N, C-alpha and C. Protein backbone atom coordinates (compact mmCIF):
# COMPACT_ATOMS: atom_id res chain seq x y z
N MET A 1 0.84 -1.17 0.00
CA MET A 1 0.00 0.00 0.00
C MET A 1 0.89 1.24 0.00
N LYS A 2 0.55 2.20 -0.82
CA LYS A 2 1.31 3.45 -0.88
C LYS A 2 1.07 4.27 0.38
N ARG A 3 2.07 5.05 0.76
CA ARG A 3 1.97 5.89 1.97
C ARG A 3 0.77 6.84 1.89
N GLU A 4 0.54 7.40 0.71
CA GLU A 4 -0.59 8.31 0.54
C GLU A 4 -1.91 7.59 0.79
N ASP A 5 -2.04 6.34 0.32
CA ASP A 5 -3.25 5.55 0.55
C ASP A 5 -3.43 5.24 2.04
N ILE A 6 -2.32 4.99 2.72
CA ILE A 6 -2.37 4.72 4.16
C ILE A 6 -2.85 5.96 4.91
N ILE A 7 -2.33 7.12 4.56
CA ILE A 7 -2.75 8.37 5.21
C ILE A 7 -4.23 8.61 4.99
N ILE A 8 -4.70 8.41 3.75
CA ILE A 8 -6.12 8.59 3.45
C ILE A 8 -6.96 7.60 4.25
N GLY A 9 -6.52 6.34 4.30
CA GLY A 9 -7.24 5.33 5.07
C GLY A 9 -7.30 5.68 6.55
N ASN A 10 -6.19 6.15 7.09
CA ASN A 10 -6.16 6.54 8.50
C ASN A 10 -7.10 7.71 8.77
N ILE A 11 -7.20 8.64 7.83
CA ILE A 11 -8.11 9.78 7.99
C ILE A 11 -9.56 9.30 7.95
N VAL A 12 -9.87 8.37 7.05
CA VAL A 12 -11.23 7.80 6.97
C VAL A 12 -11.59 7.17 8.32
N ILE A 13 -10.68 6.38 8.86
CA ILE A 13 -10.94 5.71 10.14
C ILE A 13 -11.03 6.74 11.27
N ALA A 14 -10.11 7.70 11.30
CA ALA A 14 -10.11 8.71 12.37
C ALA A 14 -11.43 9.49 12.37
N SER A 15 -11.91 9.86 11.21
CA SER A 15 -13.18 10.59 11.13
C SER A 15 -14.31 9.74 11.68
N TYR A 16 -14.33 8.47 11.34
CA TYR A 16 -15.36 7.55 11.83
C TYR A 16 -15.29 7.44 13.36
N MET A 17 -14.08 7.49 13.90
CA MET A 17 -13.90 7.36 15.34
C MET A 17 -14.12 8.68 16.09
N GLY A 18 -14.43 9.75 15.37
CA GLY A 18 -14.76 11.01 16.04
C GLY A 18 -13.68 12.06 16.04
N TRP A 19 -12.53 11.78 15.43
CA TRP A 19 -11.49 12.79 15.33
C TRP A 19 -11.99 13.91 14.43
N LYS A 20 -11.71 15.14 14.80
CA LYS A 20 -12.14 16.32 14.03
C LYS A 20 -10.91 17.09 13.56
N LEU A 21 -11.02 17.63 12.36
CA LEU A 21 -9.97 18.47 11.83
C LEU A 21 -9.87 19.72 12.69
N ASP A 22 -8.67 20.07 13.10
CA ASP A 22 -8.41 21.22 13.97
C ASP A 22 -7.47 22.15 13.22
N ASP A 23 -8.02 23.27 12.77
CA ASP A 23 -7.20 24.19 11.96
C ASP A 23 -6.54 25.29 12.80
N SER A 24 -6.38 25.05 14.08
CA SER A 24 -5.74 26.04 14.94
C SER A 24 -4.22 25.92 14.93
N PHE A 25 -3.68 25.02 14.09
CA PHE A 25 -2.23 24.84 13.96
C PHE A 25 -1.85 24.99 12.48
N PRO A 26 -1.97 26.19 11.90
CA PRO A 26 -1.75 26.34 10.46
C PRO A 26 -0.34 25.97 10.00
N ASP A 27 0.62 26.03 10.88
CA ASP A 27 2.00 25.70 10.51
C ASP A 27 2.27 24.20 10.54
N LYS A 28 1.33 23.39 11.01
CA LYS A 28 1.54 21.95 11.16
C LYS A 28 0.88 21.12 10.07
N GLY A 29 0.14 21.74 9.15
CA GLY A 29 -0.61 20.97 8.16
C GLY A 29 -1.93 20.53 8.75
N ARG A 30 -2.40 19.36 8.34
CA ARG A 30 -3.69 18.87 8.85
C ARG A 30 -3.49 18.22 10.21
N VAL A 31 -4.18 18.77 11.20
CA VAL A 31 -4.11 18.29 12.57
C VAL A 31 -5.51 17.81 12.96
N TYR A 32 -5.56 16.66 13.64
CA TYR A 32 -6.82 16.09 14.09
C TYR A 32 -6.84 16.06 15.61
N ARG A 33 -8.03 16.30 16.17
CA ARG A 33 -8.19 16.34 17.62
C ARG A 33 -9.33 15.42 18.04
N LEU A 34 -9.08 14.69 19.12
CA LEU A 34 -10.12 13.90 19.79
C LEU A 34 -9.91 14.13 21.27
N GLY A 35 -10.81 14.91 21.87
CA GLY A 35 -10.63 15.29 23.27
C GLY A 35 -9.35 16.09 23.41
N ASN A 36 -8.45 15.64 24.26
CA ASN A 36 -7.17 16.32 24.45
C ASN A 36 -6.05 15.76 23.58
N SER A 37 -6.36 14.76 22.79
CA SER A 37 -5.35 14.13 21.92
C SER A 37 -5.28 14.86 20.58
N ILE A 38 -4.05 14.98 20.08
CA ILE A 38 -3.80 15.65 18.80
C ILE A 38 -2.90 14.74 17.97
N GLU A 39 -3.24 14.61 16.69
CA GLU A 39 -2.42 13.84 15.75
C GLU A 39 -2.36 14.57 14.42
N LEU A 40 -1.24 14.48 13.75
CA LEU A 40 -1.14 14.92 12.37
C LEU A 40 -1.73 13.82 11.50
N ASP A 41 -2.15 14.17 10.27
CA ASP A 41 -2.67 13.12 9.41
C ASP A 41 -1.61 12.06 9.12
N SER A 42 -0.36 12.46 9.19
CA SER A 42 0.74 11.52 8.91
C SER A 42 1.18 10.71 10.13
N THR A 43 0.62 11.01 11.32
CA THR A 43 1.02 10.27 12.52
C THR A 43 -0.09 9.39 13.08
N LEU A 44 -1.26 9.38 12.44
CA LEU A 44 -2.32 8.46 12.86
C LEU A 44 -1.82 7.04 12.66
N LYS A 45 -2.13 6.13 13.55
CA LYS A 45 -1.50 4.80 13.58
C LYS A 45 -2.46 3.63 13.34
N TYR A 46 -3.61 3.88 12.76
CA TYR A 46 -4.56 2.78 12.55
C TYR A 46 -3.99 1.69 11.65
N ASP A 47 -3.10 2.05 10.76
CA ASP A 47 -2.51 1.07 9.84
C ASP A 47 -1.46 0.19 10.50
N SER A 48 -1.01 0.54 11.69
CA SER A 48 0.09 -0.22 12.31
C SER A 48 -0.23 -0.72 13.72
N SER A 49 -1.47 -0.56 14.18
CA SER A 49 -1.82 -0.96 15.53
C SER A 49 -3.09 -1.79 15.55
N LEU A 50 -2.95 -3.08 15.86
CA LEU A 50 -4.13 -3.92 16.01
C LEU A 50 -5.00 -3.43 17.16
N GLU A 51 -4.38 -2.92 18.20
CA GLU A 51 -5.13 -2.40 19.34
C GLU A 51 -6.08 -1.29 18.90
N LEU A 52 -5.58 -0.35 18.10
CA LEU A 52 -6.43 0.73 17.61
C LEU A 52 -7.51 0.20 16.67
N LEU A 53 -7.14 -0.76 15.81
CA LEU A 53 -8.13 -1.33 14.90
C LEU A 53 -9.24 -2.05 15.66
N PHE A 54 -8.89 -2.73 16.75
CA PHE A 54 -9.91 -3.42 17.53
C PHE A 54 -10.88 -2.43 18.17
N GLU A 55 -10.41 -1.24 18.52
CA GLU A 55 -11.32 -0.21 19.03
C GLU A 55 -12.32 0.19 17.94
N VAL A 56 -11.84 0.27 16.69
CA VAL A 56 -12.71 0.61 15.56
C VAL A 56 -13.72 -0.52 15.34
N ILE A 57 -13.24 -1.76 15.38
CA ILE A 57 -14.11 -2.92 15.18
C ILE A 57 -15.17 -2.98 16.27
N GLU A 58 -14.81 -2.65 17.49
CA GLU A 58 -15.78 -2.62 18.59
C GLU A 58 -16.87 -1.59 18.30
N LYS A 59 -16.50 -0.42 17.83
CA LYS A 59 -17.49 0.61 17.51
C LYS A 59 -18.39 0.14 16.37
N MET A 60 -17.79 -0.52 15.36
CA MET A 60 -18.58 -1.02 14.24
C MET A 60 -19.57 -2.07 14.71
N SER A 61 -19.16 -2.93 15.63
CA SER A 61 -20.05 -3.99 16.10
C SER A 61 -21.22 -3.40 16.89
N LEU A 62 -21.00 -2.28 17.57
CA LEU A 62 -22.08 -1.63 18.31
C LEU A 62 -23.13 -1.06 17.37
N LYS A 63 -22.74 -0.75 16.15
CA LYS A 63 -23.68 -0.21 15.17
C LYS A 63 -24.49 -1.30 14.49
N GLY A 64 -24.14 -2.57 14.73
CA GLY A 64 -24.92 -3.67 14.20
C GLY A 64 -24.60 -4.07 12.77
N ASP A 65 -23.60 -3.46 12.16
CA ASP A 65 -23.25 -3.77 10.78
C ASP A 65 -21.89 -4.44 10.66
N MET A 66 -21.43 -5.03 11.73
CA MET A 66 -20.10 -5.64 11.75
C MET A 66 -19.94 -6.68 10.66
N HIS A 67 -21.00 -7.37 10.32
CA HIS A 67 -20.91 -8.42 9.31
C HIS A 67 -20.41 -7.90 7.97
N ARG A 68 -20.52 -6.60 7.73
CA ARG A 68 -20.04 -6.03 6.46
C ARG A 68 -18.53 -6.19 6.31
N VAL A 69 -17.81 -6.26 7.38
CA VAL A 69 -16.36 -6.41 7.31
C VAL A 69 -15.99 -7.85 6.99
N TRP A 70 -16.72 -8.79 7.53
CA TRP A 70 -16.30 -10.19 7.48
C TRP A 70 -16.99 -11.02 6.41
N PHE A 71 -18.06 -10.50 5.79
CA PHE A 71 -18.80 -11.29 4.82
C PHE A 71 -18.98 -10.55 3.50
N ASN A 72 -18.94 -11.28 2.39
CA ASN A 72 -19.19 -10.72 1.07
C ASN A 72 -20.68 -10.43 0.92
N GLU A 73 -21.03 -9.73 -0.17
CA GLU A 73 -22.43 -9.40 -0.44
C GLU A 73 -23.31 -10.65 -0.48
N ASN A 74 -22.78 -11.77 -0.98
CA ASN A 74 -23.58 -12.99 -1.10
C ASN A 74 -23.61 -13.79 0.20
N GLY A 75 -23.02 -13.28 1.27
CA GLY A 75 -23.06 -13.94 2.56
C GLY A 75 -21.91 -14.89 2.83
N SER A 76 -21.02 -15.07 1.84
CA SER A 76 -19.88 -15.97 2.07
C SER A 76 -18.78 -15.24 2.84
N LEU A 77 -18.07 -15.99 3.65
CA LEU A 77 -17.03 -15.43 4.51
C LEU A 77 -15.87 -14.89 3.67
N LYS A 78 -15.45 -13.66 3.98
CA LYS A 78 -14.28 -13.08 3.32
C LYS A 78 -13.02 -13.69 3.91
N GLU A 79 -11.98 -13.72 3.12
CA GLU A 79 -10.67 -14.16 3.60
C GLU A 79 -9.95 -12.93 4.16
N VAL A 80 -10.37 -12.47 5.32
CA VAL A 80 -9.87 -11.21 5.86
C VAL A 80 -8.48 -11.34 6.45
N ALA A 81 -8.30 -12.26 7.37
CA ALA A 81 -7.02 -12.34 8.10
C ALA A 81 -6.33 -13.66 7.75
N ASN A 82 -6.13 -13.90 6.49
CA ASN A 82 -5.62 -15.19 6.03
C ASN A 82 -4.12 -15.17 5.80
N GLY A 83 -3.46 -14.03 6.01
CA GLY A 83 -2.03 -13.94 5.74
C GLY A 83 -1.21 -14.81 6.68
N SER A 84 -0.01 -15.13 6.23
CA SER A 84 0.84 -16.00 7.04
C SER A 84 1.64 -15.22 8.07
N ARG A 85 1.79 -13.92 7.87
CA ARG A 85 2.54 -13.09 8.82
C ARG A 85 1.58 -12.13 9.49
N ASP A 86 1.93 -11.70 10.69
CA ASP A 86 1.06 -10.77 11.43
C ASP A 86 0.81 -9.49 10.65
N GLU A 87 1.84 -8.97 9.96
CA GLU A 87 1.64 -7.73 9.22
C GLU A 87 0.67 -7.92 8.06
N ASP A 88 0.62 -9.13 7.45
CA ASP A 88 -0.36 -9.41 6.42
C ASP A 88 -1.77 -9.40 7.00
N LYS A 89 -1.93 -9.97 8.18
CA LYS A 89 -3.23 -9.99 8.85
C LYS A 89 -3.65 -8.57 9.21
N LEU A 90 -2.73 -7.79 9.75
CA LEU A 90 -3.01 -6.41 10.11
C LEU A 90 -3.47 -5.64 8.88
N ARG A 91 -2.77 -5.80 7.76
CA ARG A 91 -3.11 -5.08 6.53
C ARG A 91 -4.49 -5.51 6.02
N ALA A 92 -4.80 -6.80 6.09
CA ALA A 92 -6.10 -7.29 5.62
C ALA A 92 -7.23 -6.73 6.48
N ILE A 93 -7.04 -6.74 7.79
CA ILE A 93 -8.06 -6.19 8.69
C ILE A 93 -8.20 -4.69 8.46
N TYR A 94 -7.08 -3.99 8.31
CA TYR A 94 -7.08 -2.55 8.06
C TYR A 94 -7.90 -2.23 6.81
N LYS A 95 -7.66 -2.95 5.73
CA LYS A 95 -8.38 -2.71 4.48
C LYS A 95 -9.87 -3.03 4.64
N ALA A 96 -10.20 -4.09 5.36
CA ALA A 96 -11.60 -4.45 5.57
C ALA A 96 -12.32 -3.37 6.38
N VAL A 97 -11.63 -2.81 7.37
CA VAL A 97 -12.22 -1.74 8.19
C VAL A 97 -12.49 -0.51 7.32
N ILE A 98 -11.54 -0.14 6.48
CA ILE A 98 -11.74 1.02 5.59
C ILE A 98 -12.90 0.76 4.64
N ASP A 99 -12.98 -0.45 4.06
CA ASP A 99 -14.09 -0.79 3.17
C ASP A 99 -15.42 -0.65 3.89
N PHE A 100 -15.49 -1.13 5.14
CA PHE A 100 -16.72 -1.01 5.91
C PHE A 100 -17.10 0.44 6.12
N ILE A 101 -16.15 1.26 6.54
CA ILE A 101 -16.45 2.67 6.84
C ILE A 101 -16.92 3.39 5.57
N ARG A 102 -16.28 3.12 4.45
CA ARG A 102 -16.73 3.74 3.19
C ARG A 102 -18.14 3.30 2.85
N TRP A 103 -18.44 2.01 3.02
CA TRP A 103 -19.79 1.52 2.78
C TRP A 103 -20.77 2.20 3.75
N TYR A 104 -20.40 2.27 5.00
CA TYR A 104 -21.24 2.85 6.03
C TYR A 104 -21.53 4.33 5.73
N ASN A 105 -20.51 5.06 5.31
CA ASN A 105 -20.69 6.48 4.99
C ASN A 105 -21.60 6.66 3.77
N GLU A 106 -21.46 5.80 2.77
CA GLU A 106 -22.32 5.87 1.59
C GLU A 106 -23.77 5.56 1.93
N LYS A 107 -23.96 4.64 2.87
CA LYS A 107 -25.30 4.24 3.30
C LYS A 107 -26.01 5.41 3.97
N GLY A 108 -25.24 6.28 4.62
CA GLY A 108 -25.80 7.48 5.20
C GLY A 108 -26.35 7.38 6.60
N ASP A 109 -25.87 6.42 7.38
CA ASP A 109 -26.34 6.27 8.77
C ASP A 109 -25.61 7.17 9.68
């Protein structure tokens, strides 16, 4: 995955998780705030932290649409975490989470 795609994916996830763009730091580029936490768009870590991704998955499951991450349109199980290395599994879960959020945003809930 290209770095630019990772940054965009992290922003998609951060927005879903409630991070808001904070333009009070014009010299820092795009800054996101959640409560007292601040991150640059380039320092969000959803692509490299299973712990953070599991927080996202927990929020998705509370919305009742968790099956969108793990199942195809026809109801068959997706091969989400089938990689042989942990980083392959992390990347597969990361991509599935982004796909879900994009679907969820298009649905308009």
